[in-house]
Amino acid sequence: MAVLSKLTVNGDRLNASINRLAKIGRMPNGEICRLAFTPEILQARYLVQQWMVEAGMTVRTDAAGNLIGRYEGQIEEAPALATGSHIDTVPSGGKYDGVLGVLAGIEVVRSLRESKMRLKHPLEVIVFTDEENTMIGCQAMAGTAKQLPHEYKPKAAGSIEDCLEIIGGNWDELETARRTRADMAAFVELHVEQGAVLESAGKEIGVVQGVVGMLRKAISIQGQANHAGTTPMDMRQDALVAAAQIVLAVQEIALSMPSQPVATVGYLTVAPNAVNIVPGQVELTVDMRDLSQACLSEMLEQLQREIKTIATATDTQIELKPLLCVEPTLSALPVQSSIAQVAQELGLGHVAMPSRAGHDSLEIGRITDMGMIFVPSQNGLSHSGEEYTSPEQCTQGANVLLHTLLQLDEIY
């Protein structure tokens, strides 16, 4: 399928928008802090809304606080093609994470309007609410939102009900934010990679195969604290030795799986945590991620078997508790194919890859065809004031987004 138009985005304008938005929430050390529901995010949302209106979009806020700009299409009753991401940050973030996807979507609409073009489908640019913490925006839109307000704990002060009201949402009407395939034909999210795969491969574009599922467990190990000098090695119930064996088992399990999942023990506490005491108790966590739910289930089964063996060998009691279970979402093949074809015809090197970080697309892909476009992150840095994607790379990603949407307009 050929690229449908010679249309391009205005890269200078796109990057100027990125730099302008980065001034909101910038701290003295150069990092950006725009937590959801704070005055900083309100200021950023107002600016983005202005840009949407100037680009010719009508703008609304749904009950989940999602900011939705809509550029009408030629066929009034057609379901929308959608793009977007988030503009909230972690407490010490950078200027590209999420923002690129939102501002590139606006730039696509600007380019279409300036060329007096309208797609057959309406085109929506969505700013999702609180992607970095509660993910309430994308969950509400996908119909996967939790039922009780206390299950959402905003980092900003106040309850989720109060926080949504601040940005124009309404917890009591959250169900009205739900979308379906009938009114959203497909969703494409442009995002910085947040890793080093593209840079290492020397490729400009990542064609995302899907967003991985996440399985997290808390593990408690109960041994017996005892004197480090007087307790013989063969008489110990050392909880830390058991923990060390679990850490190695987690690594080996991940390395043994053909789909190349990742697994991490990222949190560990030891008690009594003294130099002359055999550790009596350890708490740790395991984070496992893969595109295949079957793989995650197999990894968990292997871990449970290993834990049973380790508990017997170390004479400890080991308990496994659930923390998080999020099923993976695969990118739709027509969207993946369009992204790859566009990248090729624009002369951009591309590679298929999973997203091992969570994104709004994870939830939106549960209700409609979803795809993601990655552009490189220098040195793989993200969630940092040092994250960097060059202006050229941002422009390349936006052009791939533009032409992918043009192709999908013909496919759907």
Protein backbone atom coordinates (compact mmCIF):
# COMPACT_ATOMS: atom_id res chain seq x y z
CA MET A 1 0.00 0.00 0.00
CA ALA A 2 1.53 3.31 -1.01
CA VAL A 3 1.77 6.38 1.15
CA LEU A 4 -1.38 8.28 0.26
CA SER A 5 -0.06 11.83 0.34
CA LYS A 6 3.08 13.94 0.25
CA LEU A 7 1.68 15.80 3.23
CA THR A 8 4.11 16.37 6.10
CA VAL A 9 3.89 17.84 9.55
CA ASN A 10 5.58 21.09 10.49
CA GLY A 11 8.48 19.79 12.55
CA ASP A 12 9.58 23.20 13.78
CA ARG A 13 6.10 23.95 15.08
CA LEU A 14 5.79 20.52 16.71
CA ASN A 15 9.08 20.88 18.57
CA ALA A 16 8.26 24.45 19.57
CA SER A 17 5.04 23.13 21.11
CA ILE A 18 6.98 20.46 23.01
CA ASN A 19 9.37 23.08 24.37
CA ARG A 20 6.54 25.44 25.29
CA LEU A 21 4.65 22.79 27.24
CA ALA A 22 7.89 21.79 29.01
CA LYS A 23 7.96 25.19 30.73
CA ILE A 24 4.90 24.21 32.77
CA GLY A 25 5.99 22.36 35.89
CA ARG A 26 9.70 22.77 35.19
CA MET A 27 11.76 22.68 38.38
CA PRO A 28 15.09 24.49 39.00
CA ASN A 29 17.03 21.28 38.25
CA GLY A 30 15.42 21.05 34.80
CA GLU A 31 13.13 18.15 35.64
CA ILE A 32 9.39 18.48 35.09
CA CYS A 33 6.74 17.78 37.70
CA ARG A 34 3.16 17.86 36.40
CA LEU A 35 1.25 15.45 38.57
CA ALA A 36 -2.35 14.78 37.63
CA PHE A 37 -4.98 17.03 39.26
CA THR A 38 -2.45 19.71 40.31
CA PRO A 39 -2.37 23.39 39.28
CA GLU A 40 0.45 22.54 36.86
CA ILE A 41 -1.62 19.99 34.96
CA LEU A 42 -4.56 22.38 34.85
CA GLN A 43 -2.32 25.00 33.24
CA ALA A 44 -0.96 22.43 30.77
CA ARG A 45 -4.44 21.17 29.88
CA TYR A 46 -5.62 24.72 29.25
CA LEU A 47 -2.73 25.35 26.85
CA VAL A 48 -3.29 22.08 25.01
CA GLN A 49 -7.01 22.82 24.75
CA GLN A 50 -6.20 26.20 23.22
CA TRP A 51 -4.00 24.50 20.62
CA MET A 52 -6.76 22.01 19.83
CA VAL A 53 -9.28 24.79 19.25
CA GLU A 54 -6.83 26.77 17.12
CA ALA A 55 -6.27 23.63 15.02
CA GLY A 56 -9.98 23.47 14.23
CA MET A 57 -11.11 20.88 16.74
CA THR A 58 -14.11 20.88 19.00
CA VAL A 59 -13.06 20.00 22.54
CA ARG A 60 -14.82 18.24 25.37
CA THR A 61 -13.94 16.69 28.71
CA ASP A 62 -15.53 13.34 29.56
CA ALA A 63 -16.49 12.10 33.03
CA ALA A 64 -13.03 10.59 33.55
CA GLY A 65 -11.40 13.94 32.86
CA ASN A 66 -10.07 12.87 29.46
CA LEU A 67 -9.57 15.90 27.22
CA ILE A 68 -10.83 15.03 23.72
CA GLY A 69 -10.30 17.16 20.64
CA ARG A 70 -12.29 16.15 17.55
CA TYR A 71 -11.64 17.08 13.93
CA GLU A 72 -14.75 16.12 11.99
CA GLY A 73 -14.54 13.79 9.03
CA GLN A 74 -16.32 13.60 5.70
CA ILE A 75 -18.66 10.83 6.86
CA GLU A 76 -20.56 12.13 9.84
CA GLU A 77 -21.66 8.75 11.19
CA ALA A 78 -18.28 7.04 10.79
CA PRO A 79 -16.47 5.88 13.95
CA ALA A 80 -13.45 7.99 14.89
CA LEU A 81 -9.81 7.26 14.31
CA ALA A 82 -8.06 8.29 17.50
CA THR A 83 -4.59 9.14 18.69
CA GLY A 84 -3.09 10.75 21.79
CA SER A 85 -1.36 9.96 25.06
CA HIS A 86 -0.89 11.86 28.34
CA ILE A 87 0.69 15.09 29.57
CA ASP A 88 0.99 14.28 33.27
CA THR A 89 4.46 13.29 34.48
CA VAL A 90 6.15 11.35 37.24
CA PRO A 91 7.43 13.57 40.10
CA SER A 92 10.75 14.08 38.30
CA GLY A 93 10.09 13.55 34.61
CA GLY A 94 11.13 14.89 31.24
CA LYS A 95 9.43 16.68 28.38
CA TYR A 96 8.76 13.86 25.90
CA ASP A 97 7.06 11.02 27.79
CA GLY A 98 3.39 11.11 26.76
CA VAL A 99 3.63 14.69 25.53
CA LEU A 100 5.00 13.72 22.11
CA GLY A 101 1.94 11.59 21.37
CA VAL A 102 -0.49 14.35 22.28
CA LEU A 103 1.28 17.19 20.49
CA ALA A 104 2.03 15.10 17.40
CA GLY A 105 -1.70 14.35 17.20
CA ILE A 106 -2.48 18.05 17.30
CA GLU A 107 0.20 18.70 14.68
CA VAL A 108 -1.39 16.08 12.42
CA VAL A 109 -4.70 17.94 12.63
CA ARG A 110 -2.97 21.27 11.99
CA SER A 111 -1.38 19.84 8.85
CA LEU A 112 -4.64 18.39 7.60
CA ARG A 113 -6.51 21.64 8.16
CA GLU A 114 -3.84 23.76 6.48
CA SER A 115 -4.03 21.46 3.46
CA LYS A 116 -7.84 21.71 3.55
CA MET A 117 -8.05 17.95 4.05
CA ARG A 118 -10.48 15.93 6.08
CA LEU A 119 -10.34 12.20 6.60
CA LYS A 120 -13.41 10.09 5.93
CA HIS A 121 -13.43 9.32 9.65
CA PRO A 122 -13.50 11.92 12.40
CA LEU A 123 -10.05 12.24 13.99
CA GLU A 124 -9.78 12.51 17.76
CA VAL A 125 -6.76 13.58 19.80
CA ILE A 126 -7.07 12.39 23.40
CA VAL A 127 -5.25 13.57 26.52
CA PHE A 128 -5.74 10.70 28.97
CA THR A 129 -6.12 11.42 32.68
CA ASP A 130 -3.38 10.39 35.13
CA GLU A 131 -1.53 7.79 33.06
CA GLU A 132 1.42 7.85 35.43
CA ASN A 133 -0.52 6.74 38.50
CA THR A 134 -4.16 5.65 38.53
CA MET A 135 -4.68 5.30 34.74
CA ILE A 136 -8.30 6.19 35.43
CA GLY A 137 -8.69 7.97 32.09
CA CYS A 138 -7.90 5.06 29.80
CA GLN A 139 -9.54 2.53 32.13
CA ALA A 140 -12.80 4.46 32.21
CA MET A 141 -12.73 4.80 28.43
CA ALA A 142 -12.10 1.06 28.05
CA GLY A 143 -14.74 0.09 30.60
CA THR A 144 -12.15 -1.54 32.86
CA ALA A 145 -12.26 1.07 35.64
CA LYS A 146 -12.44 -0.12 39.23
CA GLN A 147 -15.85 0.15 40.83
CA LEU A 148 -14.97 1.79 44.15
CA PRO A 149 -13.43 5.26 44.47
CA HIS A 150 -11.10 4.27 47.31
CA GLU A 151 -9.33 1.91 44.91
CA TYR A 152 -7.92 5.00 43.19
CA LYS A 153 -5.39 7.00 45.19
CA PRO A 154 -4.29 10.17 43.40
CA LYS A 155 -0.85 11.54 44.22
CA ALA A 156 -2.45 14.97 44.47
CA ALA A 157 -4.32 15.83 47.64
CA GLY A 158 -7.92 14.71 47.87
CA SER A 159 -10.15 11.83 46.84
CA ILE A 160 -10.55 10.67 43.27
CA GLU A 161 -14.04 12.21 43.29
CA ASP A 162 -12.64 15.62 44.25
CA CYS A 163 -9.70 15.31 41.85
CA LEU A 164 -11.90 14.50 38.87
CA GLU A 165 -14.11 17.48 39.67
CA ILE A 166 -11.05 19.75 39.53
CA ILE A 167 -10.44 18.87 35.87
CA GLY A 168 -14.08 18.77 34.80
CA GLY A 169 -14.78 15.08 35.34
CA ASN A 170 -17.45 13.40 37.42
CA TRP A 171 -16.94 10.15 39.32
CA ASP A 172 -20.68 9.51 39.61
CA GLU A 173 -21.00 9.55 35.81
CA LEU A 174 -17.78 7.64 35.09
CA GLU A 175 -19.60 5.00 33.07
CA THR A 176 -20.48 7.61 30.44
CA ALA A 177 -16.78 7.88 29.50
CA ARG A 178 -16.83 4.33 28.14
CA ARG A 179 -16.17 3.94 24.41
CA THR A 180 -16.64 0.99 22.07
CA ARG A 181 -15.47 -0.17 18.67
CA ALA A 182 -18.72 1.24 17.28
CA ASP A 183 -17.51 4.81 17.86
CA MET A 184 -13.71 4.29 17.77
CA ALA A 185 -12.45 2.41 14.72
CA ALA A 186 -8.78 2.34 15.75
CA PHE A 187 -6.30 4.00 18.11
CA VAL A 188 -2.64 4.79 17.36
CA GLU A 189 -0.28 6.13 20.02
CA LEU A 190 3.08 7.72 19.23
CA HIS A 191 5.49 7.48 22.17
CA VAL A 192 9.16 7.71 22.99
CA GLU A 193 10.55 4.22 23.48
CA GLN A 194 11.79 4.74 27.07
CA GLY A 195 14.45 2.15 26.39
CA ALA A 196 17.56 1.66 24.26
CA VAL A 197 16.48 -0.96 21.71
CA LEU A 198 15.98 1.42 18.77
CA GLU A 199 19.17 3.34 19.47
CA SER A 200 21.15 0.10 19.75
CA ALA A 201 19.66 -1.24 16.53
CA GLY A 202 20.18 2.03 14.66
CA LYS A 203 16.50 2.22 13.71
CA GLU A 204 14.26 5.27 13.63
CA ILE A 205 10.87 3.63 14.23
CA GLY A 206 9.61 0.88 16.50
CA VAL A 207 6.52 -0.99 15.33
CA VAL A 208 5.03 -2.07 18.63
CA GLN A 209 3.71 -5.63 18.66
CA GLY A 210 1.72 -5.04 21.82
CA VAL A 211 1.90 -3.86 25.41
CA VAL A 212 3.08 -6.56 27.77
CA GLY A 213 1.05 -7.99 30.59
CA MET A 214 2.36 -7.55 34.12
CA LEU A 215 2.28 -10.07 36.92
CA ARG A 216 3.53 -8.91 40.32
CA LYS A 217 3.82 -10.95 43.49
CA ALA A 218 4.89 -10.21 47.05
CA ILE A 219 6.92 -12.93 48.71
CA SER A 220 7.31 -13.25 52.49
CA ILE A 221 10.02 -15.54 53.85
CA GLN A 222 9.97 -16.53 57.52
CA GLY A 223 13.07 -18.12 58.95
CA GLN A 224 14.60 -17.84 62.40
CA ALA A 225 16.73 -14.94 63.55
CA ASN A 226 19.71 -16.22 65.51
CA HIS A 227 23.24 -15.44 66.61
CA ALA A 228 25.56 -15.20 63.62
CA GLY A 229 28.51 -16.56 65.53
CA THR A 230 27.04 -19.43 67.53
CA THR A 231 24.59 -20.87 65.01
CA PRO A 232 26.24 -23.58 62.84
CA MET A 233 25.68 -23.28 59.13
CA ASP A 234 23.74 -26.56 58.91
CA MET A 235 21.40 -25.50 61.72
CA ARG A 236 20.29 -22.17 60.28
CA GLN A 237 16.91 -21.07 58.98
CA ASP A 238 18.33 -18.16 57.01
CA ALA A 239 15.55 -16.19 55.28
CA LEU A 240 18.04 -14.19 53.23
CA VAL A 241 19.66 -17.31 51.80
CA ALA A 242 16.21 -18.43 50.71
CA ALA A 243 15.59 -14.99 49.20
CA ALA A 244 18.88 -15.11 47.30
CA GLN A 245 17.90 -18.43 45.77
CA ILE A 246 14.52 -17.01 44.76
CA VAL A 247 16.20 -14.01 43.08
CA LEU A 248 18.38 -16.35 41.02
CA ALA A 249 15.40 -18.59 40.24
CA VAL A 250 13.43 -15.60 38.90
CA GLN A 251 16.32 -14.73 36.59
CA GLU A 252 16.73 -18.28 35.33
CA ILE A 253 13.02 -18.71 34.70
CA ALA A 254 12.93 -15.58 32.53
CA LEU A 255 16.07 -16.57 30.63
CA SER A 256 14.65 -20.03 29.89
CA MET A 257 11.49 -18.79 28.15
CA PRO A 258 11.67 -18.52 24.33
CA SER A 259 9.58 -15.32 24.12
CA GLN A 260 12.26 -13.37 26.03
CA PRO A 261 10.13 -12.05 28.90
CA VAL A 262 11.58 -9.90 31.66
CA ALA A 263 11.43 -10.60 35.38
CA THR A 264 12.73 -8.49 38.23
CA VAL A 265 13.13 -8.62 41.98
CA GLY A 266 13.17 -4.89 42.62
CA TYR A 267 12.25 -4.60 46.30
CA LEU A 268 13.74 -6.44 49.26
CA THR A 269 13.80 -5.85 53.01
CA VAL A 270 15.67 -7.88 55.59
CA ALA A 271 14.99 -8.23 59.32
CA PRO A 272 16.52 -7.82 61.81
CA ASN A 273 19.07 -6.43 59.31
CA ALA A 274 22.03 -6.49 61.66
CA VAL A 275 25.61 -7.52 60.94
CA ASN A 276 25.74 -10.24 63.61
CA ILE A 277 22.29 -11.78 63.26
CA VAL A 278 21.16 -14.53 60.89
CA PRO A 279 18.26 -12.94 58.93
CA GLY A 280 14.93 -14.18 60.21
CA GLN A 281 12.54 -12.50 57.79
CA VAL A 282 12.65 -11.16 54.23
CA GLU A 283 10.02 -9.42 52.13
CA LEU A 284 10.54 -9.12 48.38
CA THR A 285 8.62 -8.53 45.18
CA VAL A 286 8.68 -10.14 41.76
CA ASP A 287 7.66 -8.31 38.56
CA MET A 288 7.18 -10.45 35.42
CA ARG A 289 6.26 -9.07 31.98
CA ASP A 290 5.55 -10.59 28.57
CA LEU A 291 3.27 -10.28 25.56
CA SER A 292 1.94 -13.78 26.17
CA GLN A 293 -0.43 -14.48 29.04
CA ALA A 294 0.40 -18.17 28.68
CA CYS A 295 4.08 -17.37 29.19
CA LEU A 296 3.32 -15.39 32.34
CA SER A 297 1.24 -18.26 33.68
CA GLU A 298 4.03 -20.73 32.96
CA MET A 299 6.59 -18.49 34.66
CA LEU A 300 4.41 -18.27 37.75
CA GLU A 301 3.98 -22.04 37.88
CA GLN A 302 7.73 -22.54 37.63
CA LEU A 303 8.32 -19.97 40.36
CA GLN A 304 5.84 -21.69 42.66
CA ARG A 305 7.64 -25.00 42.17
CA GLU A 306 11.02 -23.39 42.83
CA ILE A 307 9.71 -21.71 45.98
CA LYS A 308 8.47 -25.02 47.35
CA THR A 309 11.88 -26.60 46.76
CA ILE A 310 13.73 -23.63 48.29
CA ALA A 311 11.49 -23.58 51.37
CA THR A 312 12.25 -27.25 52.03
CA ALA A 313 15.99 -26.87 51.46
CA THR A 314 16.32 -23.80 53.72
CA ASP A 315 13.79 -24.88 56.37
CA THR A 316 11.85 -21.64 55.91
CA GLN A 317 8.21 -20.76 55.36
CA ILE A 318 7.55 -18.88 52.13
CA GLU A 319 4.27 -17.22 51.24
CA LEU A 320 3.32 -15.80 47.83
CA LYS A 321 0.72 -13.03 47.63
CA PRO A 322 -0.76 -11.24 44.59
CA LEU A 323 0.04 -7.58 43.97
CA LEU A 324 -0.96 -6.92 40.37
CA CYS A 325 -2.22 -8.85 37.37
CA VAL A 326 -2.65 -7.00 34.07
CA GLU A 327 -3.24 -8.99 30.92
CA PRO A 328 -1.26 -8.06 27.80
CA THR A 329 -2.80 -6.30 24.82
CA LEU A 330 -1.60 -7.11 21.31
CA SER A 331 -1.43 -4.50 18.58
CA ALA A 332 -3.84 -5.09 15.71
CA LEU A 333 -2.08 -6.55 12.67
CA PRO A 334 -3.58 -4.04 10.18
CA VAL A 335 -2.24 -1.19 12.31
CA GLN A 336 1.19 -2.79 12.69
CA SER A 337 1.35 -3.41 8.94
CA SER A 338 0.40 0.18 8.16
CA ILE A 339 3.04 1.59 10.50
CA ALA A 340 5.74 -0.66 9.01
CA GLN A 341 4.70 0.17 5.44
CA VAL A 342 4.67 3.90 6.12
CA ALA A 343 8.08 3.79 7.79
CA GLN A 344 9.52 1.91 4.83
CA GLU A 345 8.08 4.31 2.26
CA LEU A 346 9.35 7.30 4.24
CA GLY A 347 12.82 5.75 4.21
CA LEU A 348 12.92 5.15 7.96
CA GLY A 349 14.46 2.01 9.41
CA HIS A 350 12.03 0.11 11.59
CA VAL A 351 11.91 -2.93 13.84
CA ALA A 352 9.07 -4.87 15.46
CA MET A 353 9.27 -4.83 19.25
CA PRO A 354 7.10 -5.17 22.35
CA SER A 355 6.38 -2.34 24.74
CA ARG A 356 7.50 -3.52 28.16
CA ALA A 357 6.21 -0.37 29.84
CA GLY A 358 2.54 0.30 30.42
CA HIS A 359 0.70 2.86 28.27
CA ASP A 360 -2.84 4.12 27.74
CA SER A 361 -2.87 1.85 24.68
CA LEU A 362 -2.85 -1.17 26.99
CA GLU A 363 -6.42 -0.42 28.00
CA ILE A 364 -7.70 1.14 24.77
CA GLY A 365 -6.57 -1.94 22.86
CA ARG A 366 -9.17 -3.93 24.77
CA ILE A 367 -12.03 -2.12 22.98
CA THR A 368 -10.67 -1.37 19.51
CA ASP A 369 -7.78 -2.02 17.12
CA MET A 370 -4.67 -0.50 18.65
CA GLY A 371 -1.14 0.20 17.52
CA MET A 372 1.88 2.09 18.81
CA ILE A 373 4.77 3.89 17.14
CA PHE A 374 8.05 4.24 19.05
CA VAL A 375 10.84 6.72 18.40
CA PRO A 376 14.27 6.47 20.08
CA SER A 377 15.14 7.63 23.58
CA GLN A 378 18.76 8.72 23.85
CA ASN A 379 20.68 6.29 26.08
CA GLY A 380 17.37 4.65 26.90
CA LEU A 381 16.59 7.30 29.52
CA SER A 382 13.04 8.16 30.55
CA HIS A 383 11.18 9.28 33.67
CA SER A 384 14.10 11.64 34.01
CA GLY A 385 14.86 15.26 33.22
CA GLU A 386 17.64 13.89 31.01
CA GLU A 387 15.32 12.04 28.65
CA TYR A 388 15.91 13.19 25.10
CA THR A 389 14.54 12.50 21.65
CA SER A 390 15.92 14.76 18.94
CA PRO A 391 13.70 17.23 17.08
CA GLU A 392 14.30 15.23 13.90
CA GLN A 393 13.21 12.00 15.58
CA CYS A 394 10.08 13.67 16.97
CA THR A 395 9.23 14.93 13.49
CA GLN A 396 9.86 11.52 11.95
CA GLY A 397 7.50 9.90 14.45
CA ALA A 398 4.82 12.51 13.79
CA ASN A 399 5.07 11.96 10.03
CA VAL A 400 4.71 8.20 10.51
CA LEU A 401 1.66 8.89 12.67
CA LEU A 402 0.17 11.20 10.03
CA HIS A 403 0.54 8.74 7.16
CA THR A 404 -0.51 5.77 9.27
CA LEU A 405 -3.76 7.57 10.03
CA LEU A 406 -4.18 8.34 6.33
CA GLN A 407 -3.79 4.65 5.52
CA LEU A 408 -6.10 3.52 8.30
CA ASP A 409 -8.70 5.96 6.99
CA GLU A 410 -8.81 3.79 3.86
CA ILE A 411 -8.69 0.45 5.68
CA TYR A 412 -11.41 0.93 8.30
